[in-house]
C-alpha atoms as a PDB file:
ATOM      1  CA  MET A   1       0.636 -17.329  -8.696  1.00  0.00           C
ATOM      2  CA  SER A   2      -3.050 -17.667  -8.918  1.00  0.00           C
ATOM      3  CA  GLY A   3      -5.854 -16.419  -6.731  1.00  0.00           C
ATOM      4  CA  SER A   4      -5.269 -14.411  -3.620  1.00  0.00           C
ATOM      5  CA  ALA A   5      -1.910 -16.046  -2.887  1.00  0.00           C
ATOM      6  CA  GLY A   6      -0.171 -13.426  -5.019  1.00  0.00           C
ATOM      7  CA  LEU A   7      -1.734 -10.478  -3.196  1.00  0.00           C
ATOM      8  CA  ASP A   8       0.204  -9.494  -0.098  1.00  0.00           C
ATOM      9  CA  VAL A   9      -1.058  -6.173   1.227  1.00  0.00           C
ATOM     10  CA  ARG A  10       1.828  -5.900   3.689  1.00  0.00           C
ATOM     11  CA  LEU A  11       4.141  -4.682   0.927  1.00  0.00           C
ATOM     12  CA  PRO A  12       2.249  -1.577  -0.291  1.00  0.00           C
ATOM     13  CA  ILE A  13       0.933  -0.672   3.165  1.00  0.00           C
ATOM     14  CA  GLY A  14       4.374  -1.171   4.712  1.00  0.00           C
ATOM     15  CA  GLY A  15       5.925   0.974   1.995  1.00  0.00           C
ATOM     16  CA  LEU A  16       3.340   3.702   2.540  1.00  0.00           C
ATOM     17  CA  PHE A  17       3.873   3.799   6.309  1.00  0.00           C
ATOM     18  CA  THR A  18       7.656   3.711   5.882  1.00  0.00           C
ATOM     19  CA  VAL A  19       7.700   6.661   3.471  1.00  0.00           C
ATOM     20  CA  LEU A  20       5.220   8.737   5.492  1.00  0.00           C
ATOM     21  CA  GLY A  21       7.021   7.893   8.743  1.00  0.00           C
ATOM     22  CA  LEU A  22      10.343   8.909   7.232  1.00  0.00           C
ATOM     23  CA  ILE A  23       8.899  12.230   6.011  1.00  0.00           C
ATOM     24  CA  LEU A  24       7.306  12.959   9.389  1.00  0.00           C
ATOM     25  CA  THR A  25      10.456  11.984  11.296  1.00  0.00           C
ATOM     26  CA  VAL A  26      12.643  14.255   9.167  1.00  0.00           C
ATOM     27  CA  TYR A  27      10.149  17.119   9.545  1.00  0.00           C
ATOM     28  CA  GLY A  28      10.024  16.615  13.307  1.00  0.00           C
ATOM     29  CA  ALA A  29      13.819  16.538  13.532  1.00  0.00           C
ATOM     30  CA  LEU A  30      14.178  19.716  11.455  1.00  0.00           C
ATOM     31  CA  THR A  31      11.611  21.630  13.530  1.00  0.00           C
ATOM     32  CA  ALA A  32      12.751  20.298  16.916  1.00  0.00           C
ATOM     33  CA  GLY A  33      14.015  23.673  18.179  1.00  0.00           C
ATOM     34  CA  ASN A  34      10.887  25.645  17.260  1.00  0.00           C
ATOM     35  CA  VAL A  35       9.128  26.304  20.599  1.00  0.00           C
ATOM     36  CA  VAL A  36       6.234  28.217  19.033  1.00  0.00           C
ATOM     37  CA  HIS A  37       5.527  25.374  16.611  1.00  0.00           C
ATOM     38  CA  TYR A  38       5.006  22.855  19.434  1.00  0.00           C
ATOM     39  CA  ALA A  39       3.333  25.152  21.984  1.00  0.00           C
ATOM     40  CA  ARG A  40      -0.083  23.555  21.404  1.00  0.00           C
ATOM     41  CA  SER A  41       1.287  20.098  22.261  1.00  0.00           C
ATOM     42  CA  LEU A  42       2.973  21.281  25.500  1.00  0.00           C
ATOM     43  CA  SER A  43       6.403  21.407  23.808  1.00  0.00           C
ATOM     44  CA  PHE A  44       6.161  17.718  22.895  1.00  0.00           C
ATOM     45  CA  ASN A  45       7.574  17.030  19.426  1.00  0.00           C
ATOM     46  CA  ILE A  46       4.613  14.995  18.209  1.00  0.00           C
ATOM     47  CA  ASN A  47       5.852  14.909  14.605  1.00  0.00           C
ATOM     48  CA  LEU A  48       9.125  13.267  15.553  1.00  0.00           C
ATOM     49  CA  TRP A  49       7.615  10.624  17.825  1.00  0.00           C
ATOM     50  CA  TRP A  50       4.693   9.669  15.598  1.00  0.00           C
ATOM     51  CA  GLY A  51       7.042   9.632  12.621  1.00  0.00           C
ATOM     52  CA  LEU A  52       9.221   7.113  14.442  1.00  0.00           C
ATOM     53  CA  VAL A  53       6.164   5.010  15.331  1.00  0.00           C
ATOM     54  CA  MET A  54       4.971   5.023  11.706  1.00  0.00           C
ATOM     55  CA  LEU A  55       8.467   4.238  10.462  1.00  0.00           C
ATOM     56  CA  ALA A  56       8.814   1.269  12.838  1.00  0.00           C
ATOM     57  CA  PHE A  57       5.345  -0.035  11.893  1.00  0.00           C
ATOM     58  CA  GLY A  58       6.073   0.262   8.170  1.00  0.00           C
ATOM     59  CA  LEU A  59       9.433  -1.454   8.471  1.00  0.00           C
ATOM     60  CA  GLY A  60       7.812  -4.200  10.535  1.00  0.00           C
ATOM     61  CA  LEU A  61       5.249  -4.808   7.806  1.00  0.00           C
ATOM     62  CA  LEU A  62       7.921  -4.855   5.113  1.00  0.00           C
ATOM     63  CA  LEU A  63      10.113  -7.251   7.077  1.00  0.00           C
ATOM     64  CA  SER A  64       7.203  -9.560   7.807  1.00  0.00           C
ATOM     65  CA  ALA A  65       6.291  -9.719   4.109  1.00  0.00           C
ATOM     66  CA  THR A  66       9.808 -10.554   2.926  1.00  0.00           C
ATOM     67  CA  PRO A  67      10.094 -14.145   4.240  1.00  0.00           C
ATOM     68  CA  TYR A  68       6.706 -14.984   2.725  1.00  0.00           C
ATOM     69  CA  ARG A  69       7.963 -14.094  -0.725  1.00  0.00           C
ATOM     70  CA  ARG A  70      11.235 -16.001  -0.365  1.00  0.00           C
ATOM     71  CA  SER A  71       9.924 -19.469   0.363  1.00  0.00           C
ATOM     72  CA  ARG A  72       6.554 -21.018   0.871  1.00  0.00           C
ATOM     73  CA  PRO A  73       6.348 -24.673   1.822  1.00  0.00           C
ATOM     74  CA  GLY A  74       4.181 -26.638  -0.550  1.00  0.00           C
ATOM     75  CA  ALA A  75       4.445 -24.081  -3.326  1.00  0.00           C
ATOM     76  CA  PRO A  76       4.084 -25.335  -6.894  1.00  0.00           C
ATOM     77  CA  GLY A  77       7.450 -26.104  -8.386  1.00  0.00           C
ATOM     78  CA  ALA A  78       8.995 -27.045  -5.075  1.00  0.00           C
ATOM     79  CA  SER A  79      12.369 -28.711  -5.344  1.00  0.00           C
ATOM     80  CA  SER A  80      11.310 -32.309  -4.710  1.00  0.00           C
ATOM     81  CA  ALA A  81      12.037 -35.156  -7.093  1.00  0.00           C
ATOM     82  CA  GLU A  82       8.352 -35.602  -7.896  1.00  0.00           C
ATOM     83  CA  ALA A  83       7.876 -31.903  -8.651  1.00  0.00           C
ATOM     84  CA  ARG A  84      10.921 -31.849 -10.934  1.00  0.00           C
ATOM     85  CA  ALA A  85       9.587 -34.919 -12.813  1.00  0.00           C
ATOM     86  CA  ILE A  86       6.181 -33.279 -13.288  1.00  0.00           C
ATOM     87  CA  GLU A  87       7.799 -30.044 -14.496  1.00  0.00           C
ATOM     88  CA  GLU A  88       9.953 -31.948 -16.994  1.00  0.00           C
ATOM     89  CA  ARG A  89       6.963 -33.956 -18.277  1.00  0.00           C
ATOM     90  CA  GLU A  90       4.895 -30.775 -18.745  1.00  0.00           C
ATOM     91  CA  ARG A  91       7.802 -29.075 -20.502  1.00  0.00           C
ATOM     92  CA  ARG A  92       8.155 -31.972 -22.978  1.00  0.00           C
ATOM     93  CA  ARG A  93       4.406 -32.002 -23.722  1.00  0.00           C
ATOM     94  CA  GLY A  94       4.283 -28.248 -24.162  1.00  0.00           C
ATOM     95  CA  LEU A  95       1.799 -27.770 -21.339  1.00  0.00           C
ATOM     96  CA  GLU A  96       3.872 -25.259 -19.438  1.00  0.00           C
ATOM     97  CA  ARG A  97       2.865 -21.618 -19.805  1.00  0.00           C
END
């Protein structure tokens, strides 16, 4: 891939949010019974809920980036007869990298 077509920022950002959301969700679940810990937030387990939000956002980004990588219409090397003929001609001439 050349140019900016190969750069999909949804993958690293989605991975980051997924990992951080998973860590925050686990921490919130482990400290769910600690009343003193959540006294400042009116006994609302903010770590658990924001961890779930971050986890859902990260998974959404990762899932939205997956179909883009699988197939792109009009991509070079598409499986049409003309594209196969061009690929074969370039292979015979030694032009393929």
